[in-house]
Structure formats: C-alpha cells, structure tokens
Amino acid sequence: MTGHVYRAVWPILDDTRTASALIAEASAGLDAMARTDGARITGQPAWTVTGDRLVCEAPAEPLPADEPVDVTGLADNDTVVLRLAGLHWSHRQIAATTGVPASTVRGIIARHAHPEEAHA
C-alpha cells in the first residue's frame, strides 16, 4: 500500500438530493478528476457528507510525471455502475440512482465480471 490518499470535495448545491444520488453523480467523474490531478485511484472510495459538502477519500498512487493524462471515456456508465456495484449496491438501487435500466446494469456488471464472454 502506498499510503497516498486522493481527496475530492464537491459543494452540495441542492439539499433535497439524497447522499446516494450525490455519490452516484460524483462517482461518474472521480477517476477522470483524479487523473487530471495526477493520481490514479487504487481502492474503494469512502464518501461522507460534511455540512454542505460531499467528501471523497480514496487510496491512490501518483501518476508518473511523464505519463500522458487521457480522461476520455472515464466518466461513462460502466465506471459509475461498477463503482456502485463495488459498494454492494443492488442492481435496482444502481438503476434508480443513475437512470440506467436495470437490464443494462446487469449487463455491465456481467461483462466486467467475465470479460472473456464480452467478445464471444
């Protein structure tokens, strides 16, 4: 373990939104945000709501200084679905929070659980 922690903070602008919805939205861009800041997330993020802020802390490692930062495609449905599935959310919870149909959620999780079947 590297001992590095990536910390990101978002202001909560709409206090009627649930913590789950805020986390789902922030998860979509977390990897891209970390890469832009020169870090790679290496473990499960921990989320907290502190006052009017959503805070994420995740194990990370610094990117090598000469590594190009390409963030295209990091904030896609797969990233969000897999991050929430990693937090043990049900397919139904993920679908309700992200707006992605439950059948698509199941497909994303299955494709990444068995990547060799995705090319069959």
N, C-alpha and C. Protein backbone atom coordinates (compact mmCIF):
# COMPACT_ATOMS: atom_id res chain seq x y z
N MET A 1 0.84 -1.18 0.00
CA MET A 1 0.00 0.00 0.00
C MET A 1 0.88 1.24 0.00
N THR A 2 0.47 2.19 -0.80
CA THR A 2 1.30 3.36 -0.99
C THR A 2 1.18 4.39 0.12
N GLY A 3 0.06 4.43 0.79
CA GLY A 3 -0.13 5.42 1.83
C GLY A 3 -0.67 6.74 1.30
N HIS A 4 -0.85 6.87 -0.02
CA HIS A 4 -1.40 8.09 -0.60
C HIS A 4 -2.92 8.03 -0.54
N VAL A 5 -3.52 9.19 -0.35
CA VAL A 5 -4.98 9.31 -0.34
C VAL A 5 -5.35 10.45 -1.26
N TYR A 6 -6.28 10.17 -2.17
CA TYR A 6 -6.82 11.23 -3.03
C TYR A 6 -8.09 11.75 -2.35
N ARG A 7 -8.19 13.05 -2.24
CA ARG A 7 -9.34 13.67 -1.57
C ARG A 7 -9.99 14.65 -2.53
N ALA A 8 -11.30 14.50 -2.70
CA ALA A 8 -12.06 15.41 -3.56
C ALA A 8 -13.26 15.92 -2.78
N VAL A 9 -13.60 17.18 -3.02
CA VAL A 9 -14.71 17.81 -2.29
C VAL A 9 -15.60 18.52 -3.30
N TRP A 10 -16.92 18.26 -3.17
CA TRP A 10 -17.90 18.93 -4.01
C TRP A 10 -18.87 19.70 -3.12
N PRO A 11 -19.24 20.91 -3.50
CA PRO A 11 -20.28 21.62 -2.75
C PRO A 11 -21.63 20.98 -3.06
N ILE A 12 -22.49 20.90 -2.06
CA ILE A 12 -23.85 20.40 -2.26
C ILE A 12 -24.73 21.62 -2.51
N LEU A 13 -25.16 21.75 -3.75
CA LEU A 13 -25.93 22.92 -4.15
C LEU A 13 -27.43 22.70 -4.03
N ASP A 14 -27.87 21.46 -3.97
CA ASP A 14 -29.29 21.12 -3.86
C ASP A 14 -29.47 20.21 -2.66
N ASP A 15 -29.94 20.75 -1.55
CA ASP A 15 -30.04 19.95 -0.31
C ASP A 15 -31.23 19.00 -0.31
N THR A 16 -31.98 18.92 -1.41
CA THR A 16 -33.08 17.95 -1.49
C THR A 16 -32.60 16.63 -2.07
N ARG A 17 -31.39 16.59 -2.64
CA ARG A 17 -30.86 15.36 -3.23
C ARG A 17 -30.32 14.45 -2.14
N THR A 18 -30.53 13.15 -2.33
CA THR A 18 -30.04 12.18 -1.35
C THR A 18 -28.53 12.01 -1.47
N ALA A 19 -27.94 11.53 -0.40
CA ALA A 19 -26.49 11.25 -0.43
C ALA A 19 -26.18 10.24 -1.53
N SER A 20 -27.04 9.25 -1.70
CA SER A 20 -26.83 8.24 -2.75
C SER A 20 -26.77 8.87 -4.13
N ALA A 21 -27.66 9.78 -4.41
CA ALA A 21 -27.68 10.44 -5.72
C ALA A 21 -26.44 11.31 -5.91
N LEU A 22 -26.03 12.00 -4.86
CA LEU A 22 -24.82 12.83 -4.94
C LEU A 22 -23.59 11.98 -5.20
N ILE A 23 -23.50 10.85 -4.51
CA ILE A 23 -22.36 9.95 -4.67
C ILE A 23 -22.33 9.37 -6.08
N ALA A 24 -23.49 8.97 -6.58
CA ALA A 24 -23.55 8.41 -7.94
C ALA A 24 -23.07 9.44 -8.95
N GLU A 25 -23.52 10.67 -8.81
CA GLU A 25 -23.12 11.72 -9.74
C GLU A 25 -21.62 12.00 -9.64
N ALA A 26 -21.11 12.10 -8.43
CA ALA A 26 -19.69 12.38 -8.24
C ALA A 26 -18.81 11.22 -8.69
N SER A 27 -19.30 9.99 -8.51
CA SER A 27 -18.55 8.80 -8.93
C SER A 27 -18.26 8.81 -10.42
N ALA A 28 -19.20 9.39 -11.18
CA ALA A 28 -19.05 9.39 -12.64
C ALA A 28 -17.76 10.07 -13.07
N GLY A 29 -17.35 11.09 -12.36
CA GLY A 29 -16.16 11.82 -12.77
C GLY A 29 -14.96 11.64 -11.89
N LEU A 30 -15.06 10.77 -10.89
CA LEU A 30 -13.98 10.66 -9.91
C LEU A 30 -12.65 10.24 -10.53
N ASP A 31 -12.65 9.20 -11.36
CA ASP A 31 -11.39 8.73 -11.94
C ASP A 31 -10.77 9.79 -12.85
N ALA A 32 -11.61 10.44 -13.65
CA ALA A 32 -11.11 11.50 -14.53
C ALA A 32 -10.55 12.66 -13.73
N MET A 33 -11.25 13.02 -12.67
CA MET A 33 -10.80 14.12 -11.82
C MET A 33 -9.44 13.79 -11.18
N ALA A 34 -9.32 12.57 -10.67
CA ALA A 34 -8.06 12.16 -10.05
C ALA A 34 -6.92 12.17 -11.07
N ARG A 35 -7.19 11.66 -12.26
CA ARG A 35 -6.14 11.66 -13.29
C ARG A 35 -5.72 13.07 -13.67
N THR A 36 -6.69 13.96 -13.78
CA THR A 36 -6.39 15.35 -14.08
C THR A 36 -5.49 15.94 -13.00
N ASP A 37 -5.69 15.50 -11.77
CA ASP A 37 -4.90 15.97 -10.63
C ASP A 37 -3.60 15.18 -10.46
N GLY A 38 -3.34 14.22 -11.37
CA GLY A 38 -2.08 13.47 -11.32
C GLY A 38 -2.09 12.26 -10.42
N ALA A 39 -3.27 11.66 -10.21
CA ALA A 39 -3.37 10.49 -9.34
C ALA A 39 -4.20 9.39 -10.00
N ARG A 40 -3.99 8.17 -9.58
CA ARG A 40 -4.78 7.03 -10.01
C ARG A 40 -5.41 6.40 -8.77
N ILE A 41 -6.74 6.29 -8.78
CA ILE A 41 -7.46 5.66 -7.66
C ILE A 41 -7.11 4.17 -7.66
N THR A 42 -6.74 3.64 -6.49
CA THR A 42 -6.32 2.25 -6.40
C THR A 42 -7.21 1.40 -5.50
N GLY A 43 -8.21 2.00 -4.88
CA GLY A 43 -9.09 1.24 -3.99
C GLY A 43 -10.46 1.88 -3.90
N GLN A 44 -11.28 1.35 -3.02
CA GLN A 44 -12.64 1.83 -2.86
C GLN A 44 -12.66 3.19 -2.17
N PRO A 45 -13.38 4.14 -2.75
CA PRO A 45 -13.51 5.45 -2.11
C PRO A 45 -14.43 5.39 -0.90
N ALA A 46 -14.17 6.26 0.05
CA ALA A 46 -15.05 6.43 1.22
C ALA A 46 -15.72 7.80 1.06
N TRP A 47 -17.04 7.82 1.18
CA TRP A 47 -17.82 9.04 0.96
C TRP A 47 -18.43 9.51 2.27
N THR A 48 -18.39 10.82 2.49
CA THR A 48 -19.06 11.41 3.66
C THR A 48 -19.69 12.74 3.25
N VAL A 49 -20.75 13.07 3.93
CA VAL A 49 -21.37 14.38 3.76
C VAL A 49 -21.03 15.17 5.01
N THR A 50 -20.36 16.29 4.82
CA THR A 50 -19.94 17.14 5.92
C THR A 50 -20.51 18.53 5.68
N GLY A 51 -21.54 18.87 6.44
CA GLY A 51 -22.18 20.16 6.25
C GLY A 51 -22.76 20.26 4.86
N ASP A 52 -22.29 21.23 4.08
CA ASP A 52 -22.79 21.41 2.73
C ASP A 52 -21.79 20.91 1.68
N ARG A 53 -21.01 19.88 2.05
CA ARG A 53 -20.01 19.34 1.14
C ARG A 53 -20.07 17.82 1.12
N LEU A 54 -19.84 17.28 -0.09
CA LEU A 54 -19.66 15.84 -0.27
C LEU A 54 -18.16 15.61 -0.37
N VAL A 55 -17.64 14.73 0.46
CA VAL A 55 -16.19 14.49 0.52
C VAL A 55 -15.91 13.04 0.16
N CYS A 56 -14.91 12.86 -0.69
CA CYS A 56 -14.47 11.52 -1.08
C CYS A 56 -12.99 11.40 -0.74
N GLU A 57 -12.65 10.30 -0.10
CA GLU A 57 -11.25 9.97 0.14
C GLU A 57 -11.03 8.55 -0.36
N ALA A 58 -10.00 8.38 -1.18
CA ALA A 58 -9.74 7.07 -1.78
C ALA A 58 -8.25 6.79 -1.82
N PRO A 59 -7.86 5.53 -1.60
CA PRO A 59 -6.45 5.18 -1.77
C PRO A 59 -6.05 5.48 -3.21
N ALA A 60 -4.85 5.99 -3.37
CA ALA A 60 -4.40 6.38 -4.71
C ALA A 60 -2.89 6.27 -4.81
N GLU A 61 -2.42 6.39 -6.03
CA GLU A 61 -0.99 6.47 -6.26
C GLU A 61 -0.75 7.62 -7.23
N PRO A 62 0.37 8.30 -7.08
CA PRO A 62 0.67 9.38 -8.01
C PRO A 62 0.98 8.81 -9.40
N LEU A 63 0.53 9.50 -10.42
CA LEU A 63 0.88 9.11 -11.79
C LEU A 63 2.33 9.51 -12.04
N PRO A 64 3.05 8.71 -12.81
CA PRO A 64 4.40 9.12 -13.18
C PRO A 64 4.33 10.46 -13.93
N ALA A 65 5.30 11.31 -13.70
CA ALA A 65 5.30 12.65 -14.28
C ALA A 65 5.24 12.63 -15.80
N ASP A 66 5.77 11.58 -16.43
CA ASP A 66 5.79 11.53 -17.89
C ASP A 66 4.60 10.77 -18.48
N GLU A 67 3.69 10.28 -17.64
CA GLU A 67 2.53 9.54 -18.16
C GLU A 67 1.50 10.52 -18.70
N PRO A 68 1.09 10.34 -19.97
CA PRO A 68 0.07 11.24 -20.51
C PRO A 68 -1.26 11.02 -19.80
N VAL A 69 -1.99 12.09 -19.61
CA VAL A 69 -3.29 12.01 -18.93
C VAL A 69 -4.38 12.01 -19.99
N ASP A 70 -5.03 10.86 -20.16
CA ASP A 70 -6.14 10.74 -21.10
C ASP A 70 -7.38 10.39 -20.29
N VAL A 71 -8.32 11.30 -20.21
CA VAL A 71 -9.50 11.10 -19.40
C VAL A 71 -10.73 10.76 -20.24
N THR A 72 -10.56 10.57 -21.54
CA THR A 72 -11.71 10.25 -22.37
C THR A 72 -12.28 8.90 -21.96
N GLY A 73 -13.57 8.85 -21.84
CA GLY A 73 -14.26 7.60 -21.54
C GLY A 73 -14.26 7.20 -20.08
N LEU A 74 -13.65 7.97 -19.20
CA LEU A 74 -13.61 7.56 -17.80
C LEU A 74 -14.91 7.87 -17.06
N ALA A 75 -15.68 8.80 -17.55
CA ALA A 75 -16.92 9.16 -16.86
C ALA A 75 -18.12 8.58 -17.61
N ASP A 76 -18.06 7.29 -17.89
CA ASP A 76 -19.15 6.66 -18.62
C ASP A 76 -20.01 5.82 -17.67
N ASN A 77 -21.07 5.24 -18.20
CA ASN A 77 -21.98 4.44 -17.38
C ASN A 77 -21.28 3.28 -16.71
N ASP A 78 -20.38 2.60 -17.45
CA ASP A 78 -19.69 1.45 -16.86
C ASP A 78 -18.97 1.84 -15.58
N THR A 79 -18.25 2.95 -15.60
CA THR A 79 -17.48 3.39 -14.44
C THR A 79 -18.38 3.61 -13.23
N VAL A 80 -19.49 4.30 -13.44
CA VAL A 80 -20.41 4.60 -12.34
C VAL A 80 -21.04 3.32 -11.82
N VAL A 81 -21.54 2.49 -12.73
CA VAL A 81 -22.21 1.23 -12.33
C VAL A 81 -21.24 0.34 -11.56
N LEU A 82 -20.04 0.19 -12.05
CA LEU A 82 -19.08 -0.69 -11.39
C LEU A 82 -18.65 -0.16 -10.03
N ARG A 83 -18.52 1.17 -9.92
CA ARG A 83 -18.15 1.73 -8.62
C ARG A 83 -19.26 1.48 -7.60
N LEU A 84 -20.51 1.68 -7.99
CA LEU A 84 -21.62 1.47 -7.07
C LEU A 84 -21.80 -0.02 -6.77
N ALA A 85 -21.60 -0.87 -7.77
CA ALA A 85 -21.67 -2.31 -7.52
C ALA A 85 -20.58 -2.73 -6.54
N GLY A 86 -19.42 -2.10 -6.63
CA GLY A 86 -18.33 -2.37 -5.69
C GLY A 86 -18.66 -1.97 -4.26
N LEU A 87 -19.64 -1.08 -4.12
CA LEU A 87 -20.12 -0.67 -2.80
C LEU A 87 -21.27 -1.56 -2.34
N HIS A 88 -21.53 -2.64 -3.10
CA HIS A 88 -22.56 -3.63 -2.80
C HIS A 88 -23.97 -3.09 -2.95
N TRP A 89 -24.16 -2.14 -3.86
CA TRP A 89 -25.50 -1.67 -4.17
C TRP A 89 -26.18 -2.73 -5.03
N SER A 90 -27.49 -2.85 -4.90
CA SER A 90 -28.24 -3.79 -5.73
C SER A 90 -28.40 -3.21 -7.13
N HIS A 91 -28.70 -4.08 -8.08
CA HIS A 91 -28.95 -3.63 -9.46
C HIS A 91 -30.07 -2.60 -9.48
N ARG A 92 -31.09 -2.83 -8.70
CA ARG A 92 -32.24 -1.93 -8.65
C ARG A 92 -31.84 -0.55 -8.09
N GLN A 93 -31.02 -0.55 -7.03
CA GLN A 93 -30.56 0.72 -6.46
C GLN A 93 -29.71 1.50 -7.48
N ILE A 94 -28.82 0.80 -8.15
CA ILE A 94 -27.96 1.45 -9.14
C ILE A 94 -28.82 2.03 -10.26
N ALA A 95 -29.77 1.25 -10.74
CA ALA A 95 -30.64 1.71 -11.83
C ALA A 95 -31.44 2.93 -11.41
N ALA A 96 -32.00 2.90 -10.21
CA ALA A 96 -32.83 4.02 -9.74
C ALA A 96 -32.01 5.29 -9.55
N THR A 97 -30.79 5.15 -9.10
CA THR A 97 -29.96 6.31 -8.83
C THR A 97 -29.34 6.90 -10.09
N THR A 98 -28.94 6.04 -11.02
CA THR A 98 -28.23 6.51 -12.21
C THR A 98 -29.14 6.76 -13.41
N GLY A 99 -30.33 6.16 -13.40
CA GLY A 99 -31.21 6.27 -14.55
C GLY A 99 -30.86 5.27 -15.65
N VAL A 100 -29.91 4.40 -15.39
CA VAL A 100 -29.55 3.34 -16.34
C VAL A 100 -30.50 2.17 -16.09
N PRO A 101 -31.12 1.62 -17.15
CA PRO A 101 -32.05 0.50 -16.94
C PRO A 101 -31.38 -0.67 -16.21
N ALA A 102 -32.16 -1.36 -15.37
CA ALA A 102 -31.62 -2.48 -14.58
C ALA A 102 -31.00 -3.54 -15.47
N SER A 103 -31.58 -3.79 -16.64
CA SER A 103 -31.03 -4.79 -17.55
C SER A 103 -29.64 -4.37 -18.04
N THR A 104 -29.46 -3.08 -18.26
CA THR A 104 -28.15 -2.56 -18.68
C THR A 104 -27.15 -2.68 -17.52
N VAL A 105 -27.61 -2.38 -16.30
CA VAL A 105 -26.76 -2.52 -15.11
C VAL A 105 -26.27 -3.96 -15.01
N ARG A 106 -27.19 -4.93 -15.14
CA ARG A 106 -26.80 -6.34 -15.06
C ARG A 106 -25.78 -6.68 -16.15
N GLY A 107 -26.00 -6.17 -17.36
CA GLY A 107 -25.09 -6.44 -18.46
C GLY A 107 -23.69 -5.88 -18.23
N ILE A 108 -23.63 -4.66 -17.72
CA ILE A 108 -22.33 -4.03 -17.43
C ILE A 108 -21.57 -4.84 -16.39
N ILE A 109 -22.27 -5.22 -15.32
CA ILE A 109 -21.62 -5.98 -14.24
C ILE A 109 -21.17 -7.34 -14.75
N ALA A 110 -22.02 -8.01 -15.52
CA ALA A 110 -21.67 -9.33 -16.06
C ALA A 110 -20.49 -9.24 -17.03
N ARG A 111 -20.49 -8.22 -17.87
CA ARG A 111 -19.42 -8.06 -18.86
C ARG A 111 -18.07 -7.87 -18.17
N HIS A 112 -18.07 -7.13 -17.07
CA HIS A 112 -16.80 -6.88 -16.37
C HIS A 112 -16.43 -8.01 -15.42
N ALA A 113 -17.41 -8.80 -15.00
CA ALA A 113 -17.11 -9.96 -14.15
C ALA A 113 -16.52 -11.09 -14.98
N HIS A 114 -16.94 -11.16 -16.25
CA HIS A 114 -16.48 -12.20 -17.16
C HIS A 114 -16.09 -11.57 -18.50
N PRO A 115 -14.98 -10.81 -18.52
CA PRO A 115 -14.63 -10.08 -19.74
C PRO A 115 -14.40 -10.98 -20.95
N GLU A 116 -14.02 -12.24 -20.73
CA GLU A 116 -13.79 -13.13 -21.86
C GLU A 116 -15.08 -13.42 -22.61
N GLU A 117 -16.25 -13.28 -21.96
CA GLU A 117 -17.52 -13.54 -22.62
C GLU A 117 -17.99 -12.33 -23.43
N ALA A 118 -17.42 -11.17 -23.20
CA ALA A 118 -17.84 -9.97 -23.91
C ALA A 118 -17.48 -10.04 -25.39
N HIS A 119 -16.49 -10.85 -25.74
CA HIS A 119 -16.06 -10.95 -27.12
C HIS A 119 -16.63 -12.17 -27.83
N ALA A 120 -17.43 -12.94 -27.12
CA ALA A 120 -17.98 -14.15 -27.71
C ALA A 120 -19.10 -13.85 -28.68
